């Protein structure tokens, strides 16, 4: 649905209102009838604001914002709960009990400021910047591999120290690939039925990022980026046979990567039987104690702060396995509420994307749906790993797990989606973006 379609509706409503003697109720009914096909609700008062409506008047999806705030606040509490006893561990003996709480709160504050700035940027400008953003992400993925720049932890080199926080370029790469793929599909819309001209250039870009990520190594981030790129190709209208061919090739590629790496193979075997004698104290240690935590939580949980597994039994409980502590302290009810929030969040972002596409804002629509796919898929992977339904992967729970880079980029991505929703509303009022 184009902007041109929404604009005449405004004029028709004005004539209908005058013809009915200025009846607000009649004007509202005409508005609902005229825009019934569009995936957005408007009232006569919305139309009356016209093209000069400000950001404050038009607003954005406040429900989406408040769900994100709720997840952030819940995550902050759980990070503190999961990390409060870490100073008792010799590895963290120099840390205060509030160390991770304060750093997580600082990351939220920095992310909030970055999100406010990102919201001010028009989507058209993001579209122009998308190739440059992708180039920046590639440069940072190269820099993190350099010994005098990148920081290594537990054999992985994934972070660049920036003083107040350690930045993880793979998180920037997720947003960069998302925007680059959306912009690519808009630019190459006319060749999307031709395999080599439509897919190969995008495949080269994703492969480049994938190789750099695997050198860190960070297979989890590579999987998320590959799914984001595939999702945008599918949503952008790439031929179905082409899409399933690419999906099959990716599945074979990931299978070969697992089979060729003894370390990854051991993780898969540990996932299949985490309580076996060979795995319980090895690669299956985290998963086995995560499952014990869920078992202790039962239906209603042991209460906030009552987790036993976080007391040096479950490693890195404040990062990848934060959900296990939530399951132990809030029980099945808490886990179901969390899953429902992420499902709603994903669905809402996809809905905003459909609104944008209906208004002929294809790039904006693909970006919003790509962010929904990113948040939803990463949450799905993290929840599946914690519950033992998927092999262990180093992916955090969006908005909740400890990790400054992830919080920062998640909030920037949400701000972009809210900006898309705001521009959708502006277009539906007959304005321009």
Protein backbone atom coordinates (compact mmCIF):
# COMPACT_ATOMS: atom_id res chain seq x y z
CA UNK A 1 0.00 0.00 0.00
CA UNK A 2 1.57 3.27 -1.02
CA UNK A 3 1.58 6.67 0.52
CA UNK A 4 -0.55 7.88 -2.37
CA UNK A 5 -3.32 5.58 -1.27
CA UNK A 6 -3.33 6.91 2.27
CA UNK A 7 -3.35 10.57 1.25
CA UNK A 8 -6.64 10.56 -0.70
CA UNK A 9 -8.26 8.88 2.29
CA UNK A 10 -7.54 12.02 4.28
CA UNK A 11 -9.36 14.20 1.71
CA UNK A 12 -12.30 11.85 1.45
CA UNK A 13 -12.69 11.88 5.20
CA UNK A 14 -12.74 15.67 5.25
CA UNK A 15 -15.51 15.81 2.64
CA UNK A 16 -17.46 13.06 4.43
CA UNK A 17 -17.16 14.95 7.72
CA UNK A 18 -18.46 18.19 6.17
CA UNK A 19 -21.28 16.35 4.40
CA UNK A 20 -22.43 14.84 7.69
CA UNK A 21 -22.29 18.16 9.49
CA UNK A 22 -18.94 17.60 11.14
CA UNK A 23 -20.01 14.52 13.03
CA UNK A 24 -16.88 13.04 14.62
CA UNK A 25 -18.52 9.64 14.93
CA UNK A 26 -19.32 9.49 11.22
CA UNK A 27 -15.83 10.61 10.30
CA UNK A 28 -14.36 7.86 12.49
CA UNK A 29 -16.59 5.28 10.79
CA UNK A 30 -15.51 6.48 7.35
CA UNK A 31 -11.87 6.26 8.42
CA UNK A 32 -12.25 2.66 9.51
CA UNK A 33 -14.01 1.77 6.26
CA UNK A 34 -11.41 3.44 4.03
CA UNK A 35 -8.35 1.94 5.72
CA UNK A 36 -9.83 -1.43 6.59
CA UNK A 37 -7.38 -3.13 4.24
CA UNK A 38 -4.33 -1.68 5.95
CA UNK A 39 -2.69 -3.49 8.89
CA UNK A 40 -2.96 -0.46 11.19
CA UNK A 41 -5.76 1.06 13.24
CA UNK A 42 -6.61 4.76 12.83
CA UNK A 43 -9.32 7.00 14.24
CA UNK A 44 -10.86 10.24 13.05
CA UNK A 45 -8.78 12.12 15.59
CA UNK A 46 -5.63 10.59 14.09
CA UNK A 47 -6.63 11.85 10.64
CA UNK A 48 -7.45 15.31 11.98
CA UNK A 49 -3.82 15.83 13.01
CA UNK A 50 -2.73 15.92 9.37
CA UNK A 51 0.75 16.18 7.97
CA UNK A 52 2.14 18.54 10.60
CA UNK A 53 1.79 16.05 13.49
CA UNK A 54 4.94 15.86 15.62
CA UNK A 55 6.74 12.80 16.93
CA UNK A 56 5.04 13.27 20.28
CA UNK A 57 1.59 13.43 18.67
CA UNK A 58 2.06 10.48 16.35
CA UNK A 59 4.08 8.45 18.84
CA UNK A 60 5.17 4.85 18.35
CA UNK A 61 4.32 1.39 19.59
CA UNK A 62 4.43 1.99 23.35
CA UNK A 63 3.42 -1.60 24.17
CA UNK A 64 6.54 -2.87 22.40
CA UNK A 65 8.70 -0.37 24.30
CA UNK A 66 7.25 -1.38 27.67
CA UNK A 67 7.74 -5.10 27.00
CA UNK A 68 11.42 -4.39 26.21
CA UNK A 69 11.73 -2.30 29.40
CA UNK A 70 10.14 -5.13 31.41
CA UNK A 71 12.64 -7.65 29.99
CA UNK A 72 15.54 -5.28 30.72
CA UNK A 73 14.46 -4.74 34.34
CA UNK A 74 13.84 -8.44 34.91
CA UNK A 75 17.22 -9.20 33.36
CA UNK A 76 18.96 -6.67 35.60
CA UNK A 77 17.48 -8.29 38.71
CA UNK A 78 18.38 -11.78 37.51
CA UNK A 79 21.96 -10.83 36.59
CA UNK A 80 22.40 -9.56 40.15
CA UNK A 81 20.82 -12.69 41.58
CA UNK A 82 22.96 -14.99 39.43
CA UNK A 83 26.25 -13.15 40.06
CA UNK A 84 25.97 -12.04 43.69
CA UNK A 85 27.91 -15.06 44.98
CA UNK A 86 30.65 -15.01 42.33
CA UNK A 87 33.22 -13.16 44.53
CA UNK A 88 33.37 -16.34 46.65
CA UNK A 89 34.96 -18.03 43.63
CA UNK A 90 38.78 -17.59 43.56
CA UNK A 91 38.52 -16.59 39.90
CA UNK A 92 36.42 -13.55 40.88
CA UNK A 93 37.89 -12.89 44.32
CA UNK A 94 38.81 -9.29 43.46
CA UNK A 95 35.24 -8.43 42.40
CA UNK A 96 32.53 -6.89 44.53
CA UNK A 97 29.15 -8.63 44.76
CA UNK A 98 27.66 -5.75 42.74
CA UNK A 99 30.35 -5.83 40.02
CA UNK A 100 28.23 -7.42 37.28
CA UNK A 101 25.10 -5.56 38.37
CA UNK A 102 26.75 -2.16 37.98
CA UNK A 103 28.39 -3.02 34.64
CA UNK A 104 25.11 -4.39 33.32
CA UNK A 105 23.28 -1.24 34.44
CA UNK A 106 25.98 0.89 32.75
CA UNK A 107 25.51 -1.08 29.51
CA UNK A 108 21.75 -0.48 29.74
CA UNK A 109 22.34 3.27 30.20
CA UNK A 110 24.74 3.44 27.24
CA UNK A 111 22.33 1.37 25.17
CA UNK A 112 19.45 3.65 26.12
CA UNK A 113 21.35 6.74 24.95
CA UNK A 114 22.37 4.99 21.72
CA UNK A 115 18.75 3.93 21.16
CA UNK A 116 17.51 7.51 21.58
CA UNK A 117 20.04 8.67 19.00
CA UNK A 118 19.16 5.81 16.63
CA UNK A 119 15.47 6.69 16.84
CA UNK A 120 16.23 10.18 15.49
CA UNK A 121 17.72 8.77 12.28
CA UNK A 122 15.22 8.43 9.39
CA UNK A 123 14.94 4.95 7.91
CA UNK A 124 15.92 6.29 4.48
CA UNK A 125 19.27 7.29 5.96
CA UNK A 126 19.78 3.81 7.43
CA UNK A 127 19.19 2.47 3.92
CA UNK A 128 21.91 4.74 2.50
CA UNK A 129 24.27 3.84 5.33
CA UNK A 130 23.72 0.07 5.18
CA UNK A 131 26.71 -0.73 2.87
CA UNK A 132 28.99 1.44 5.00
CA UNK A 133 27.70 -0.17 8.20
CA UNK A 134 28.44 -3.59 6.72
CA UNK A 135 31.95 -2.44 5.80
CA UNK A 136 32.50 -1.14 9.36
CA UNK A 137 31.39 -4.48 10.80
CA UNK A 138 33.83 -6.38 8.54
CA UNK A 139 36.71 -4.07 9.55
CA UNK A 140 35.94 -4.59 13.25
CA UNK A 141 35.72 -8.37 12.75
CA UNK A 142 39.23 -8.21 11.29
CA UNK A 143 40.57 -5.92 14.04
CA UNK A 144 39.33 -8.18 16.83
CA UNK A 145 41.57 -10.97 15.50
CA UNK A 146 44.71 -8.86 15.91
CA UNK A 147 46.57 -9.79 19.15
CA UNK A 148 47.32 -6.18 20.13
CA UNK A 149 43.67 -5.09 19.65
CA UNK A 150 41.35 -8.03 20.32
CA UNK A 151 40.87 -9.49 23.78
CA UNK A 152 40.95 -13.26 24.23
CA UNK A 153 38.90 -15.10 26.87
CA UNK A 154 38.87 -18.90 27.28
CA UNK A 155 40.55 -19.42 23.91
CA UNK A 156 38.16 -17.13 22.00
CA UNK A 157 39.11 -13.69 20.65
CA UNK A 158 35.79 -11.83 20.37
CA UNK A 159 36.10 -8.52 22.20
CA UNK A 160 37.71 -5.11 21.66
CA UNK A 161 38.40 -3.29 24.99
CA UNK A 162 36.90 0.21 24.98
CA UNK A 163 37.52 1.22 28.58
CA UNK A 164 33.99 1.40 29.99
CA UNK A 165 33.01 -1.84 28.23
CA UNK A 166 34.32 -4.57 25.95
CA UNK A 167 32.71 -4.33 22.51
CA UNK A 168 31.88 -7.53 20.60
CA UNK A 169 31.95 -6.87 16.83
CA UNK A 170 29.77 -9.93 16.11
CA UNK A 171 26.82 -8.09 17.68
CA UNK A 172 27.32 -5.16 15.31
CA UNK A 173 27.65 -7.67 12.46
CA UNK A 174 24.12 -8.98 13.15
CA UNK A 175 22.57 -5.54 12.64
CA UNK A 176 24.91 -4.70 9.76
CA UNK A 177 24.16 -7.90 7.80
CA UNK A 178 20.45 -7.42 8.49
CA UNK A 179 20.42 -3.90 7.02
CA UNK A 180 22.76 -4.81 4.18
CA UNK A 181 20.56 -7.78 3.19
CA UNK A 182 17.41 -5.63 3.32
CA UNK A 183 19.03 -2.91 1.20
CA UNK A 184 20.39 -5.52 -1.21
CA UNK A 185 16.94 -7.03 -1.74
CA UNK A 186 15.48 -3.57 -2.47
CA UNK A 187 18.26 -2.74 -4.94
CA UNK A 188 18.10 -6.13 -6.67
CA UNK A 189 14.33 -6.55 -6.64
CA UNK A 190 14.24 -7.04 -10.42
CA UNK A 191 16.68 -9.99 -10.38
CA UNK A 192 15.34 -11.92 -7.41
CA UNK A 193 14.19 -14.77 -9.70
CA UNK A 194 17.70 -15.29 -11.07
CA UNK A 195 19.90 -17.38 -8.81
CA UNK A 196 23.41 -16.17 -9.60
CA UNK A 197 22.59 -12.48 -9.98
CA UNK A 198 20.31 -12.35 -6.92
CA UNK A 199 21.93 -14.68 -4.40
CA UNK A 200 25.63 -15.16 -5.12
CA UNK A 201 26.71 -11.57 -4.16
CA UNK A 202 24.76 -11.80 -0.90
CA UNK A 203 26.20 -15.26 -0.30
CA UNK A 204 29.74 -13.92 -0.71
CA UNK A 205 29.06 -11.18 1.87
CA UNK A 206 27.64 -13.65 4.43
CA UNK A 207 30.49 -16.10 3.77
CA UNK A 208 33.06 -13.36 4.41
CA UNK A 209 31.45 -12.53 7.74
CA UNK A 210 31.12 -16.24 8.56
CA UNK A 211 34.80 -16.95 7.94
CA UNK A 212 35.82 -14.06 10.19
CA UNK A 213 33.43 -15.24 12.93
CA UNK A 214 34.70 -18.82 12.76
CA UNK A 215 38.26 -17.56 13.18
CA UNK A 216 37.33 -16.11 16.61
CA UNK A 217 35.65 -18.74 16.91
CA UNK A 218 31.95 -17.83 17.27
CA UNK A 219 29.78 -20.35 15.46
CA UNK A 220 26.67 -19.26 17.40
CA UNK A 221 26.81 -15.72 15.99
CA UNK A 222 27.43 -17.13 12.50
CA UNK A 223 24.29 -19.29 12.75
CA UNK A 224 22.19 -16.28 13.81
CA UNK A 225 23.58 -14.13 10.98
CA UNK A 226 23.00 -16.88 8.42
CA UNK A 227 19.38 -17.26 9.59
CA UNK A 228 18.84 -13.47 9.44
CA UNK A 229 20.19 -13.31 5.88
CA UNK A 230 18.14 -16.34 4.80
CA UNK A 231 15.01 -14.91 6.42
CA UNK A 232 15.35 -11.59 4.62
CA UNK A 233 15.93 -13.35 1.29
CA UNK A 234 12.74 -15.33 1.87
CA UNK A 235 10.71 -12.31 3.03
CA UNK A 236 12.11 -10.29 0.11
CA UNK A 237 10.50 -12.69 -2.34
CA UNK A 238 13.39 -14.88 -3.52
CA UNK A 239 12.22 -17.88 -5.54
CA UNK A 240 11.11 -20.71 -3.21
CA UNK A 241 13.18 -23.39 -4.94
CA UNK A 242 16.21 -21.13 -4.69
CA UNK A 243 15.53 -20.50 -0.99
CA UNK A 244 15.27 -24.19 -0.06
CA UNK A 245 18.38 -24.98 -2.10
CA UNK A 246 20.35 -22.39 -0.12
CA UNK A 247 18.86 -23.64 3.16
CA UNK A 248 19.92 -27.19 2.29
CA UNK A 249 23.45 -26.07 1.42
CA UNK A 250 23.72 -24.20 4.73
CA UNK A 251 22.50 -27.23 6.68
CA UNK A 252 25.14 -29.41 4.97
CA UNK A 253 27.79 -26.76 5.66
CA UNK A 254 27.00 -26.58 9.39
CA UNK A 255 26.92 -30.40 9.61
CA UNK A 256 30.38 -30.61 7.99
CA UNK A 257 31.69 -27.93 10.38
CA UNK A 258 30.49 -29.97 13.36
CA UNK A 259 31.83 -33.28 12.00
CA UNK A 260 35.23 -31.76 11.18
CA UNK A 261 35.73 -30.37 14.70
CA UNK A 262 36.30 -32.85 17.57
CA UNK A 263 35.42 -30.11 20.07
CA UNK A 264 32.05 -29.43 18.40
CA UNK A 265 31.32 -33.14 18.00
CA UNK A 266 31.91 -33.64 21.71
CA UNK A 267 29.41 -30.86 22.49
CA UNK A 268 26.76 -32.58 20.37
CA UNK A 269 27.36 -35.96 22.04
CA UNK A 270 27.23 -34.29 25.46
CA UNK A 271 23.90 -32.68 24.53
CA UNK A 272 22.49 -36.09 23.62
CA UNK A 273 23.45 -37.61 26.99
CA UNK A 274 24.58 -34.92 29.46
CA UNK A 275 24.35 -37.15 32.57
CA UNK A 276 26.58 -39.92 31.21
CA UNK A 277 29.84 -40.72 32.98
CA UNK A 278 31.86 -39.37 30.06
CA UNK A 279 30.06 -36.02 29.79
CA UNK A 280 28.67 -35.10 33.24
CA UNK A 281 31.98 -33.55 34.33
CA UNK A 282 33.02 -32.43 30.86
CA UNK A 283 31.11 -30.87 27.95
CA UNK A 284 27.78 -31.82 29.52
CA UNK A 285 28.50 -30.18 32.89
CA UNK A 286 26.70 -26.90 32.21
CA UNK A 287 23.69 -28.59 30.62
CA UNK A 288 23.32 -31.17 33.38
CA UNK A 289 23.31 -28.49 36.09
CA UNK A 290 20.96 -26.32 34.02
CA UNK A 291 18.47 -29.22 33.94
CA UNK A 292 18.92 -29.73 37.69
CA UNK A 293 18.08 -26.04 38.20
CA UNK A 294 14.84 -26.39 36.21
CA UNK A 295 14.00 -29.52 38.19
CA UNK A 296 14.46 -27.70 41.50
CA UNK A 297 12.24 -24.84 40.33
CA UNK A 298 9.25 -27.10 39.63
CA UNK A 299 6.03 -25.11 39.03
CA UNK A 300 6.40 -21.92 41.07
CA UNK A 301 10.16 -21.82 41.76
CA UNK A 302 12.16 -21.56 44.97
CA UNK A 303 11.81 -17.78 45.15
CA UNK A 304 13.96 -14.85 44.02
CA UNK A 305 17.53 -15.28 45.32
CA UNK A 306 16.91 -18.88 46.40
CA UNK A 307 18.82 -20.60 43.60
CA UNK A 308 21.40 -23.17 44.66
CA UNK A 309 22.82 -23.91 41.22
CA UNK A 310 24.14 -20.34 40.86
CA UNK A 311 26.40 -20.98 43.91
CA UNK A 312 29.36 -22.12 41.77
CA UNK A 313 27.61 -25.22 40.40
CA UNK A 314 26.39 -23.68 37.14
CA UNK A 315 29.24 -21.84 35.35
CA UNK A 316 28.50 -18.48 33.71
CA UNK A 317 24.99 -18.46 35.17
CA UNK A 318 24.68 -14.70 34.57
CA UNK A 319 25.34 -14.99 30.80
CA UNK A 320 24.37 -17.93 28.57
CA UNK A 321 22.53 -19.89 31.30
CA UNK A 322 20.62 -17.07 32.96
CA UNK A 323 17.36 -18.80 32.02
CA UNK A 324 18.29 -21.77 34.22
CA UNK A 325 18.45 -19.45 37.25
CA UNK A 326 15.11 -17.92 36.21
CA UNK A 327 13.64 -21.43 35.95
CA UNK A 328 14.95 -22.36 39.39
CA UNK A 329 13.79 -19.17 41.13
CA UNK A 330 10.52 -18.55 39.24
CA UNK A 331 9.66 -22.09 38.16
CA UNK A 332 7.68 -23.19 35.13
CA UNK A 333 5.37 -20.17 35.45
CA UNK A 334 8.26 -17.73 35.14
CA UNK A 335 9.70 -19.54 32.10
CA UNK A 336 6.31 -19.61 30.36
CA UNK A 337 5.83 -15.87 30.99
CA UNK A 338 9.28 -15.19 29.54
CA UNK A 339 8.57 -17.28 26.45
CA UNK A 340 5.23 -15.50 25.98
CA UNK A 341 6.94 -12.08 26.14
CA UNK A 342 9.48 -13.03 23.47
CA UNK A 343 6.78 -14.55 21.27
CA UNK A 344 4.70 -11.36 21.54
CA UNK A 345 7.76 -9.19 20.88
CA UNK A 346 8.68 -11.14 17.75
CA UNK A 347 5.12 -11.12 16.45
CA UNK A 348 4.81 -7.38 17.05
CA UNK A 349 7.99 -6.59 15.13
CA UNK A 350 6.86 -8.77 12.24
CA UNK A 351 3.53 -6.91 12.25
CA UNK A 352 5.28 -3.53 12.08
CA UNK A 353 7.30 -4.85 9.15
CA UNK A 354 4.12 -5.89 7.33
CA UNK A 355 2.69 -2.41 7.90
CA UNK A 356 5.76 -0.83 6.31
CA UNK A 357 5.64 -3.14 3.28
CA UNK A 358 1.92 -2.36 2.87
CA UNK A 359 2.94 1.30 2.67
CA UNK A 360 5.58 0.54 -0.01
CA UNK A 361 8.43 1.01 2.48
CA UNK A 362 10.09 -2.29 1.55
CA UNK A 363 13.50 -1.65 3.15
CA UNK A 364 11.87 -0.57 6.42
CA UNK A 365 9.57 -3.59 6.37
CA UNK A 366 12.40 -6.05 5.80
CA UNK A 367 14.50 -4.44 8.54
CA UNK A 368 11.67 -4.61 11.10
CA UNK A 369 10.93 -8.23 10.23
CA UNK A 370 14.66 -9.01 10.26
CA UNK A 371 15.00 -7.62 13.79
CA UNK A 372 12.01 -9.70 14.87
CA UNK A 373 13.64 -12.77 13.33
CA UNK A 374 16.95 -11.95 15.04
CA UNK A 375 15.47 -11.47 18.52
CA UNK A 376 13.05 -14.38 18.19
CA UNK A 377 15.58 -16.87 16.81
CA UNK A 378 18.31 -15.99 19.31
CA UNK A 379 15.84 -16.27 22.20
CA UNK A 380 14.67 -19.62 20.77
CA UNK A 381 18.25 -20.92 20.61
CA UNK A 382 19.11 -19.75 24.14
CA UNK A 383 15.92 -21.20 25.62
CA UNK A 384 16.44 -24.46 23.72
CA UNK A 385 20.03 -24.77 24.96
CA UNK A 386 19.05 -24.11 28.58
CA UNK A 387 16.25 -26.70 28.39
CA UNK A 388 18.47 -29.30 26.75
CA UNK A 389 16.51 -29.25 23.50
CA UNK A 390 19.48 -27.92 21.46
CA UNK A 391 23.27 -28.38 21.65
CA UNK A 392 25.14 -25.84 23.77
CA UNK A 393 25.88 -22.59 21.92
CA UNK A 394 27.41 -19.39 23.21
CA UNK A 395 24.35 -17.20 22.64
CA UNK A 396 22.89 -14.89 25.27
CA UNK A 397 19.22 -14.27 26.04
CA UNK A 398 18.32 -10.94 24.35
CA UNK A 399 17.77 -7.95 26.69
CA UNK A 400 18.41 -10.10 29.78
CA UNK A 401 21.77 -11.90 29.87
CA UNK A 402 24.89 -10.08 31.02
CA UNK A 403 26.77 -8.61 28.07
CA UNK A 404 27.25 -4.94 27.22
CA UNK A 405 27.58 -5.30 23.43
CA UNK A 406 24.46 -7.45 23.14
CA UNK A 407 22.37 -5.05 25.24
CA UNK A 408 23.67 -2.06 23.25
CA UNK A 409 22.92 -3.53 19.81
CA UNK A 410 19.58 -5.03 20.90
CA UNK A 411 18.39 -1.61 22.06
CA UNK A 412 19.62 0.11 18.88
CA UNK A 413 17.76 -2.50 16.81
CA UNK A 414 14.55 -1.94 18.80
CA UNK A 415 14.92 1.83 18.36
CA UNK A 416 15.12 1.34 14.59
CA UNK A 417 11.93 -0.75 14.69
CA UNK A 418 10.17 1.95 16.74
CA UNK A 419 11.33 4.54 14.20
CA UNK A 420 9.84 2.39 11.43
CA UNK A 421 6.56 2.20 13.35
CA UNK A 422 6.59 5.99 13.82
CA UNK A 423 7.13 6.55 10.09
CA UNK A 424 4.33 4.08 9.33
CA UNK A 425 1.97 6.18 11.43
CA UNK A 426 3.18 9.37 9.77
CA UNK A 427 2.52 7.93 6.30
CA UNK A 428 -0.94 6.82 7.35
CA UNK A 429 -1.68 10.40 8.37
CA UNK A 430 -0.80 11.57 4.89
CA UNK A 431 2.62 12.89 5.84
CA UNK A 432 6.02 12.20 4.33
CA UNK A 433 9.14 10.53 5.64
